[in-house]
């Protein structure tokens, strides 16, 4: 069962949405009237998805979404009446997975939520790949720097410096990048 958090300051507008969600097999675990405490509420209640119903996303709402997306990222569906292109871009940059302008029929609610979850998961995977690539690049830079220091200090070529680093890392049972960072740090202390 999908656990949903609703954010809407119009109770009369939220009642039909809650009913539709329940009929779609979802559990509405919380209803907030605004996004002021969204980050804390999401961290505490751990919903599977956040649905925001607003006339137009305000700057404060978008800022609260950014904080939530950094601290406790979740798929976000935003129902709004504002189809302004810049608002759509701002909402997407803030972490909104699905931005729906106008009303939504009951039969389309679940597919929109499924699409938002799929988009969120895809973005999450891409972010993880990017972080991994950046980590490998930074590790490679440190290894290159350590090799350069060893080449200069010992008067050896690049292959010999790499072999020396690799053998030292194996003897100490640590990662090559960790040893390279230690070599660079030690060189900074000595110079």
Foldseek 3Di string as FASTA:
>chain_A
DFEEEEEALDPVVCVVVCVLCVVVVYHDPYYHPALPCVLVCCVVVVGQEYEYEEQAQDPVRLVSLQVNCVRPNHAYEYEYQDPDPVSVVSNVVSRHQHYHHDDDDSVCPVVRVVSSRVSNVVVVVVVVVVVVVVVVVVLVVLLVVLLVVCCVVVVDDSVVSNVVLVVVCVVVVHDSSVSSVVSVVVVVVVD
